[in-house]
Amino acid sequence: MTTNRIRVELPAHLRNLAQVHGEVTLDVAAPITLRSVLDALEATYPMLSGTIRDHTTLQRRPFLRFFACEEDLSHQSPDSPLPEAIATAREPLLIIGAIAGG
């Protein structure tokens, strides 16, 4: 089984919960998809389970967004391959808290 080192940037409240500073790196088995990265993230940091995706449906929480290579991936299939720059750790996958208000 092939694994890749993937970089992930978390919002401040999730970094605090996971007790990490800055971005995290994960070993993720190919194929590199949003689902495989989130599975690895929750396996490495179990305290994040249910904070990014609903426990039952595994759907993205409403106020979180996923970005890669300046593209919003929040509404794409979680099983779509992530861009090569993410799979090769040239760029991080960004998990960003949505900003609401006016």
N, C-alpha and C. Protein backbone atom coordinates (compact mmCIF):
# COMPACT_ATOMS: atom_id res chain seq x y z
N MET A 1 0.84 -1.18 0.00
CA MET A 1 0.00 0.00 0.00
C MET A 1 0.89 1.24 0.00
N THR A 2 0.62 2.14 -0.91
CA THR A 2 1.36 3.39 -1.03
C THR A 2 0.76 4.44 -0.11
N THR A 3 1.63 5.14 0.62
CA THR A 3 1.16 6.25 1.46
C THR A 3 1.90 7.52 1.05
N ASN A 4 1.25 8.62 1.26
CA ASN A 4 1.81 9.94 0.99
C ASN A 4 1.76 10.76 2.26
N ARG A 5 2.74 11.65 2.42
CA ARG A 5 2.69 12.63 3.51
C ARG A 5 1.86 13.80 3.01
N ILE A 6 0.81 14.13 3.75
CA ILE A 6 -0.11 15.19 3.38
C ILE A 6 -0.05 16.27 4.46
N ARG A 7 -0.06 17.52 4.03
CA ARG A 7 -0.07 18.65 4.96
C ARG A 7 -1.49 19.18 5.07
N VAL A 8 -1.91 19.46 6.31
CA VAL A 8 -3.26 19.98 6.56
C VAL A 8 -3.17 21.18 7.49
N GLU A 9 -3.82 22.26 7.10
CA GLU A 9 -3.95 23.45 7.95
C GLU A 9 -5.33 23.42 8.58
N LEU A 10 -5.37 23.51 9.90
CA LEU A 10 -6.63 23.50 10.65
C LEU A 10 -6.95 24.89 11.16
N PRO A 11 -8.24 25.20 11.34
CA PRO A 11 -8.58 26.48 11.98
C PRO A 11 -8.14 26.46 13.45
N ALA A 12 -7.99 27.63 14.03
CA ALA A 12 -7.45 27.77 15.39
C ALA A 12 -8.20 26.92 16.41
N HIS A 13 -9.52 26.89 16.36
CA HIS A 13 -10.27 26.15 17.39
C HIS A 13 -10.00 24.65 17.29
N LEU A 14 -9.77 24.12 16.08
CA LEU A 14 -9.46 22.69 15.95
C LEU A 14 -8.00 22.40 16.30
N ARG A 15 -7.09 23.36 16.03
CA ARG A 15 -5.70 23.19 16.48
C ARG A 15 -5.66 23.12 17.99
N ASN A 16 -6.42 23.99 18.66
CA ASN A 16 -6.47 23.97 20.13
C ASN A 16 -7.00 22.64 20.64
N LEU A 17 -8.07 22.15 20.03
CA LEU A 17 -8.66 20.88 20.46
C LEU A 17 -7.68 19.73 20.27
N ALA A 18 -6.96 19.73 19.14
CA ALA A 18 -5.99 18.66 18.86
C ALA A 18 -4.66 18.88 19.56
N GLN A 19 -4.50 20.05 20.19
CA GLN A 19 -3.27 20.42 20.89
C GLN A 19 -2.06 20.39 19.95
N VAL A 20 -2.21 21.04 18.79
CA VAL A 20 -1.13 21.16 17.82
C VAL A 20 -0.91 22.62 17.50
N HIS A 21 0.26 22.92 16.98
CA HIS A 21 0.60 24.28 16.57
C HIS A 21 0.96 24.22 15.09
N GLY A 22 0.40 25.12 14.31
CA GLY A 22 0.69 25.15 12.88
C GLY A 22 0.02 24.00 12.15
N GLU A 23 0.54 23.69 10.97
CA GLU A 23 -0.08 22.64 10.18
C GLU A 23 0.32 21.27 10.70
N VAL A 24 -0.48 20.26 10.37
CA VAL A 24 -0.17 18.88 10.73
C VAL A 24 0.19 18.11 9.47
N THR A 25 0.99 17.08 9.63
CA THR A 25 1.31 16.20 8.51
C THR A 25 0.78 14.82 8.84
N LEU A 26 0.24 14.18 7.82
CA LEU A 26 -0.39 12.87 7.99
C LEU A 26 0.12 11.91 6.94
N ASP A 27 0.20 10.64 7.29
CA ASP A 27 0.44 9.59 6.30
C ASP A 27 -0.92 9.13 5.81
N VAL A 28 -1.17 9.26 4.52
CA VAL A 28 -2.46 8.94 3.93
C VAL A 28 -2.25 7.92 2.82
N ALA A 29 -3.02 6.84 2.88
CA ALA A 29 -2.94 5.81 1.85
C ALA A 29 -3.59 6.31 0.57
N ALA A 30 -2.98 5.95 -0.55
CA ALA A 30 -3.54 6.30 -1.86
C ALA A 30 -4.82 5.49 -2.09
N PRO A 31 -5.76 6.02 -2.83
CA PRO A 31 -5.77 7.32 -3.51
C PRO A 31 -6.02 8.45 -2.51
N ILE A 32 -5.45 9.60 -2.82
CA ILE A 32 -5.56 10.77 -1.95
C ILE A 32 -6.85 11.51 -2.28
N THR A 33 -7.82 11.37 -1.40
CA THR A 33 -9.11 12.03 -1.55
C THR A 33 -9.40 12.79 -0.26
N LEU A 34 -10.40 13.63 -0.30
CA LEU A 34 -10.81 14.34 0.91
C LEU A 34 -11.19 13.33 1.99
N ARG A 35 -11.91 12.27 1.61
CA ARG A 35 -12.32 11.26 2.58
C ARG A 35 -11.10 10.58 3.22
N SER A 36 -10.10 10.21 2.41
CA SER A 36 -8.94 9.51 2.97
C SER A 36 -8.13 10.43 3.87
N VAL A 37 -8.04 11.72 3.53
CA VAL A 37 -7.32 12.67 4.39
C VAL A 37 -8.07 12.87 5.70
N LEU A 38 -9.38 13.04 5.65
CA LEU A 38 -10.16 13.24 6.87
C LEU A 38 -10.16 11.97 7.73
N ASP A 39 -10.20 10.80 7.10
CA ASP A 39 -10.10 9.55 7.86
C ASP A 39 -8.77 9.48 8.61
N ALA A 40 -7.68 9.83 7.92
CA ALA A 40 -6.36 9.81 8.56
C ALA A 40 -6.26 10.87 9.65
N LEU A 41 -6.83 12.04 9.41
CA LEU A 41 -6.82 13.10 10.42
C LEU A 41 -7.54 12.66 11.69
N GLU A 42 -8.72 12.07 11.53
CA GLU A 42 -9.49 11.62 12.70
C GLU A 42 -8.84 10.42 13.39
N ALA A 43 -8.15 9.57 12.63
CA ALA A 43 -7.44 8.44 13.24
C ALA A 43 -6.24 8.93 14.06
N THR A 44 -5.55 9.95 13.55
CA THR A 44 -4.38 10.49 14.24
C THR A 44 -4.77 11.37 15.41
N TYR A 45 -5.85 12.12 15.24
CA TYR A 45 -6.34 13.03 16.28
C TYR A 45 -7.80 12.68 16.58
N PRO A 46 -8.04 11.62 17.36
CA PRO A 46 -9.42 11.16 17.61
C PRO A 46 -10.32 12.22 18.23
N MET A 47 -9.73 13.19 18.92
CA MET A 47 -10.55 14.24 19.53
C MET A 47 -11.22 15.12 18.48
N LEU A 48 -10.77 15.04 17.22
CA LEU A 48 -11.39 15.80 16.13
C LEU A 48 -12.56 15.07 15.48
N SER A 49 -12.73 13.81 15.83
CA SER A 49 -13.82 13.02 15.26
C SER A 49 -15.16 13.68 15.57
N GLY A 50 -15.94 13.94 14.52
CA GLY A 50 -17.23 14.58 14.68
C GLY A 50 -17.19 16.09 14.65
N THR A 51 -16.01 16.69 14.64
CA THR A 51 -15.92 18.15 14.61
C THR A 51 -15.88 18.70 13.19
N ILE A 52 -15.37 17.91 12.26
CA ILE A 52 -15.25 18.33 10.86
C ILE A 52 -16.38 17.72 10.04
N ARG A 53 -16.71 16.46 10.36
CA ARG A 53 -17.80 15.74 9.68
C ARG A 53 -18.75 15.19 10.74
N ASP A 54 -20.01 15.13 10.36
CA ASP A 54 -21.02 14.52 11.23
C ASP A 54 -20.66 13.06 11.48
N HIS A 55 -20.82 12.58 12.71
CA HIS A 55 -20.50 11.20 13.07
C HIS A 55 -21.24 10.18 12.21
N THR A 56 -22.50 10.40 11.97
CA THR A 56 -23.35 9.42 11.29
C THR A 56 -23.28 9.54 9.78
N THR A 57 -23.49 10.74 9.25
CA THR A 57 -23.57 10.92 7.80
C THR A 57 -22.22 11.15 7.13
N LEU A 58 -21.22 11.52 7.92
CA LEU A 58 -19.89 11.90 7.44
C LEU A 58 -19.93 13.11 6.50
N GLN A 59 -21.00 13.89 6.58
CA GLN A 59 -21.12 15.12 5.80
C GLN A 59 -20.36 16.24 6.51
N ARG A 60 -19.79 17.14 5.71
CA ARG A 60 -19.06 18.30 6.23
C ARG A 60 -19.95 19.12 7.15
N ARG A 61 -19.39 19.56 8.27
CA ARG A 61 -20.11 20.46 9.17
C ARG A 61 -20.38 21.78 8.44
N PRO A 62 -21.53 22.41 8.69
CA PRO A 62 -21.95 23.58 7.90
C PRO A 62 -20.97 24.75 7.90
N PHE A 63 -20.26 24.99 8.98
CA PHE A 63 -19.43 26.18 9.04
C PHE A 63 -17.95 25.90 8.81
N LEU A 64 -17.66 24.80 8.12
CA LEU A 64 -16.29 24.49 7.73
C LEU A 64 -16.23 24.39 6.21
N ARG A 65 -15.10 24.81 5.65
CA ARG A 65 -14.88 24.73 4.20
C ARG A 65 -13.53 24.07 3.95
N PHE A 66 -13.41 23.43 2.79
CA PHE A 66 -12.17 22.77 2.38
C PHE A 66 -11.63 23.47 1.14
N PHE A 67 -10.35 23.87 1.18
CA PHE A 67 -9.71 24.52 0.05
C PHE A 67 -8.40 23.83 -0.29
N ALA A 68 -8.12 23.74 -1.59
CA ALA A 68 -6.85 23.22 -2.07
C ALA A 68 -6.50 23.95 -3.35
N CYS A 69 -5.26 24.41 -3.43
CA CYS A 69 -4.78 25.08 -4.65
C CYS A 69 -5.71 26.22 -5.07
N GLU A 70 -6.13 27.02 -4.10
CA GLU A 70 -6.99 28.18 -4.31
C GLU A 70 -8.37 27.81 -4.86
N GLU A 71 -8.80 26.60 -4.61
CA GLU A 71 -10.09 26.13 -5.10
C GLU A 71 -10.93 25.61 -3.93
N ASP A 72 -12.20 25.99 -3.89
CA ASP A 72 -13.12 25.53 -2.85
C ASP A 72 -13.59 24.12 -3.21
N LEU A 73 -13.24 23.16 -2.37
CA LEU A 73 -13.60 21.76 -2.60
C LEU A 73 -14.77 21.32 -1.72
N SER A 74 -15.38 22.24 -1.03
CA SER A 74 -16.38 21.92 -0.02
C SER A 74 -17.58 21.16 -0.56
N HIS A 75 -17.93 21.37 -1.81
CA HIS A 75 -19.12 20.72 -2.36
C HIS A 75 -18.79 19.59 -3.33
N GLN A 76 -17.50 19.28 -3.48
CA GLN A 76 -17.12 18.17 -4.35
C GLN A 76 -17.30 16.85 -3.62
N SER A 77 -17.37 15.78 -4.39
CA SER A 77 -17.47 14.44 -3.80
C SER A 77 -16.25 14.18 -2.92
N PRO A 78 -16.46 13.63 -1.73
CA PRO A 78 -15.31 13.34 -0.85
C PRO A 78 -14.40 12.26 -1.42
N ASP A 79 -14.84 11.57 -2.47
CA ASP A 79 -14.04 10.51 -3.08
C ASP A 79 -13.32 10.95 -4.35
N SER A 80 -13.45 12.24 -4.71
CA SER A 80 -12.72 12.77 -5.86
C SER A 80 -11.25 12.92 -5.49
N PRO A 81 -10.35 12.59 -6.40
CA PRO A 81 -8.92 12.77 -6.11
C PRO A 81 -8.59 14.23 -5.83
N LEU A 82 -7.74 14.46 -4.85
CA LEU A 82 -7.29 15.82 -4.56
C LEU A 82 -6.20 16.21 -5.56
N PRO A 83 -5.97 17.51 -5.76
CA PRO A 83 -4.94 17.95 -6.71
C PRO A 83 -3.57 17.37 -6.38
N GLU A 84 -2.76 17.21 -7.41
CA GLU A 84 -1.41 16.65 -7.28
C GLU A 84 -0.57 17.43 -6.26
N ALA A 85 -0.73 18.74 -6.21
CA ALA A 85 0.04 19.55 -5.26
C ALA A 85 -0.26 19.17 -3.81
N ILE A 86 -1.46 18.70 -3.55
CA ILE A 86 -1.81 18.23 -2.19
C ILE A 86 -1.22 16.85 -1.97
N ALA A 87 -1.38 15.97 -2.96
CA ALA A 87 -0.89 14.59 -2.85
C ALA A 87 0.62 14.50 -2.70
N THR A 88 1.33 15.52 -3.19
CA THR A 88 2.79 15.52 -3.08
C THR A 88 3.28 16.48 -1.99
N ALA A 89 2.36 17.04 -1.21
CA ALA A 89 2.67 17.93 -0.08
C ALA A 89 3.34 19.23 -0.50
N ARG A 90 3.22 19.61 -1.77
CA ARG A 90 3.71 20.93 -2.17
C ARG A 90 2.84 22.02 -1.56
N GLU A 91 1.56 21.72 -1.40
CA GLU A 91 0.62 22.66 -0.79
C GLU A 91 -0.20 21.92 0.26
N PRO A 92 -0.68 22.65 1.28
CA PRO A 92 -1.52 22.00 2.29
C PRO A 92 -2.99 22.02 1.89
N LEU A 93 -3.73 21.06 2.41
CA LEU A 93 -5.19 21.11 2.36
C LEU A 93 -5.60 22.07 3.46
N LEU A 94 -6.44 23.03 3.14
CA LEU A 94 -6.88 24.02 4.12
C LEU A 94 -8.28 23.68 4.59
N ILE A 95 -8.45 23.59 5.89
CA ILE A 95 -9.78 23.46 6.49
C ILE A 95 -10.01 24.79 7.20
N ILE A 96 -11.04 25.50 6.75
CA ILE A 96 -11.25 26.88 7.19
C ILE A 96 -12.63 27.02 7.80
N GLY A 97 -12.70 27.69 8.92
CA GLY A 97 -13.98 28.03 9.52
C GLY A 97 -14.65 29.10 8.69
N ALA A 98 -15.89 28.87 8.28
CA ALA A 98 -16.62 29.85 7.48
C ALA A 98 -16.88 31.10 8.30
N ILE A 99 -16.89 32.23 7.63
CA ILE A 99 -17.14 33.51 8.29
C ILE A 99 -18.55 33.95 7.92
N ALA A 100 -19.35 34.22 8.94
CA ALA A 100 -20.74 34.65 8.70
C ALA A 100 -20.92 36.02 9.35
N GLY A 101 -21.90 36.71 8.91
CA GLY A 101 -22.20 37.99 9.51
C GLY A 101 -22.16 39.10 8.46
N GLY A 102 -22.35 40.28 8.90
CA GLY A 102 -22.39 41.36 7.93
C GLY A 102 -21.80 42.61 8.44
